[in-house]
Protein backbone atom coordinates (compact mmCIF):
# COMPACT_ATOMS: atom_id res chain seq x y z
CA MET A 1 -0.10 0.01 0.13
CA ASN A 2 2.99 2.48 0.38
CA LYS A 3 3.26 2.23 -3.69
CA PRO A 4 1.20 5.22 -5.37
CA TRP A 5 -1.76 3.90 -6.94
CA ASP A 6 -3.21 5.59 -10.03
CA ASN A 7 -6.05 5.59 -12.17
CA PRO A 8 -7.70 7.67 -14.86
CA TYR A 9 -9.46 10.22 -12.04
CA VAL A 10 -7.61 9.85 -8.88
CA ILE A 11 -3.79 9.09 -7.75
CA PHE A 12 -3.74 7.52 -4.45
CA SER A 13 -0.68 7.54 -1.98
CA MET A 14 0.07 7.06 1.65
CA GLN A 15 1.86 9.39 4.17
CA ASN A 16 2.09 8.22 7.63
CA GLY A 17 -0.86 6.23 7.49
CA ILE A 18 -2.94 8.80 6.11
CA VAL A 19 -4.46 8.10 2.10
CA LYS A 20 -3.62 11.16 -0.13
CA ALA A 21 -5.83 11.51 -2.97
CA VAL A 22 -5.18 13.69 -5.58
CA TYR A 23 -8.19 14.10 -7.99
CA ARG A 24 -7.23 14.69 -11.62
CA LYS A 25 -8.29 17.40 -13.83
CA THR A 26 -9.61 14.32 -16.37
CA ALA A 27 -11.93 13.05 -13.71
CA SER A 28 -14.04 16.34 -13.97
CA PRO A 29 -17.11 16.06 -14.16
CA ILE A 30 -17.45 13.62 -11.45
CA THR A 31 -20.34 11.57 -12.00
CA LEU A 32 -22.40 9.00 -9.54
CA GLU A 33 -20.55 6.19 -12.01
CA LYS A 34 -17.17 7.72 -11.81
CA ALA A 35 -17.65 8.36 -7.75
CA MET A 36 -18.45 4.90 -6.89
CA LEU A 37 -15.56 3.46 -9.22
CA ILE A 38 -13.52 6.30 -7.14
CA LYS A 39 -14.44 4.80 -4.14
CA GLU A 40 -13.61 0.88 -5.00
CA CYS A 41 -10.40 2.09 -6.04
CA ARG A 42 -9.68 3.70 -2.55
CA MET A 43 -11.17 0.56 -0.80
CA ALA A 44 -8.93 -1.59 -2.68
CA PHE A 45 -5.67 0.44 -1.97
CA GLN A 46 -6.60 0.57 1.58
CA GLN A 47 -6.84 -2.97 1.89
CA GLY A 48 -9.82 -3.19 4.51
CA GLN A 49 -8.28 -0.77 6.64
CA ILE A 50 -10.07 2.39 7.80
CA LEU A 51 -7.80 5.83 7.40
CA PRO A 52 -7.95 9.08 7.47
CA LEU A 53 -8.38 10.71 3.83
CA LEU A 54 -6.36 13.94 2.55
CA VAL A 55 -8.07 15.01 -0.42
CA THR A 56 -6.65 17.39 -3.22
CA THR A 57 -7.28 17.97 -6.64
CA GLU A 58 -5.15 19.29 -9.70
CA GLY A 59 -7.85 22.10 -10.72
CA TRP A 60 -11.34 22.81 -10.65
CA ILE A 61 -13.63 19.69 -10.35
CA GLU A 62 -16.79 19.73 -11.35
CA MET A 63 -19.16 17.32 -9.72
CA ASP A 64 -23.26 16.38 -9.99
CA GLN A 65 -25.26 16.22 -7.25
CA PRO A 66 -25.83 12.48 -7.10
CA ALA A 67 -22.03 12.05 -6.86
CA ARG A 68 -21.81 14.74 -3.97
CA SER A 69 -24.04 12.78 -2.31
CA TYR A 70 -22.72 9.67 -2.90
CA LEU A 71 -19.52 10.30 -1.93
CA ALA A 72 -20.77 12.55 1.43
CA GLY A 73 -23.06 9.50 2.27
CA PRO A 74 -22.15 6.38 4.33
CA ASP A 75 -21.27 4.47 1.31
CA GLY A 76 -18.93 7.00 -0.19
CA VAL A 77 -16.84 7.32 3.23
CA GLU A 78 -17.00 3.67 4.19
CA GLY A 79 -13.17 3.14 5.04
CA VAL A 80 -12.61 6.54 5.88
CA LYS A 81 -12.35 7.89 9.67
CA ALA A 82 -12.03 11.59 8.89
CA ALA A 83 -11.45 13.86 5.44
CA ALA A 84 -9.46 16.82 4.81
CA LEU A 85 -10.16 18.67 1.54
CA LEU A 86 -7.26 20.78 0.58
CA GLU A 87 -7.88 24.15 -1.37
CA ARG A 88 -5.90 26.88 -1.90
CA ASN A 89 -8.16 29.07 -3.88
CA THR A 90 -10.50 31.14 -1.51
CA ALA A 91 -13.19 31.38 -3.55
CA VAL A 92 -13.13 27.61 -4.65
CA LYS A 93 -12.69 26.74 -0.72
CA LEU A 94 -15.96 28.90 -0.08
CA VAL A 95 -17.90 26.94 -2.37
CA ILE A 96 -16.59 23.81 -0.99
CA GLY A 97 -17.57 25.20 2.40
CA PHE A 98 -21.05 26.09 1.18
CA PHE A 99 -21.53 22.32 0.49
CA LEU A 100 -20.22 21.29 3.30
CA ALA A 101 -22.54 23.15 5.61
CA PHE A 102 -26.06 21.44 3.92
CA MET A 103 -24.30 17.88 3.65
CA PRO A 104 -24.82 15.30 6.17
CA LYS A 105 -21.75 14.51 7.40
CA SER A 106 -21.51 11.18 8.91
CA ILE A 107 -17.42 11.49 9.50
CA PRO A 108 -15.52 14.60 10.71
CA VAL A 109 -14.76 16.79 7.32
CA LYS A 110 -12.56 20.17 7.35
CA THR A 111 -11.04 22.44 4.39
CA PHE A 112 -7.70 23.74 4.73
CA ARG A 113 -5.52 26.08 2.95
CA ARG A 114 -1.98 24.11 3.76
CA GLU A 115 -1.55 20.89 3.67
CA LYS A 116 0.81 20.69 6.72
CA ALA A 117 -2.22 21.83 8.64
CA ALA A 118 -4.34 19.32 7.01
CA LEU A 119 -1.95 16.36 7.82
CA GLU A 120 -1.79 17.47 11.22
CA TRP A 121 -5.68 17.75 11.79
CA LEU A 122 -5.62 14.37 10.25
CA ASP A 123 -2.93 12.79 12.72
CA PHE A 124 -5.62 12.87 15.54
CA TYR A 125 -7.51 10.39 13.57
CA LYS A 126 -4.91 7.95 12.99
């Protein structure tokens, strides 16, 4: 599991017990079908472990409502203890924050501008 794992939509890697998922530009737009595939790939990468997750993107990623609902719901967060969303663009961070405010949360989720702060927060959930 220490070796990065790559698919057309997301690159998964592990850093000190935290799964890092970098969503590629080619993932956009994320549909429900893509979201389900991404989750299946993450579960295979994690090999049954329940771990904290750091999510970043290579740029703006569009996601339809069914995909957002799935990834925020119990099925989409299976195997995730907590999720940190890294976004350096203030406008995008505000949009993410807006969606998070209205999405039901079954795990702790927080947005960050700096990776170091996100990893420190996720350390608590290891």
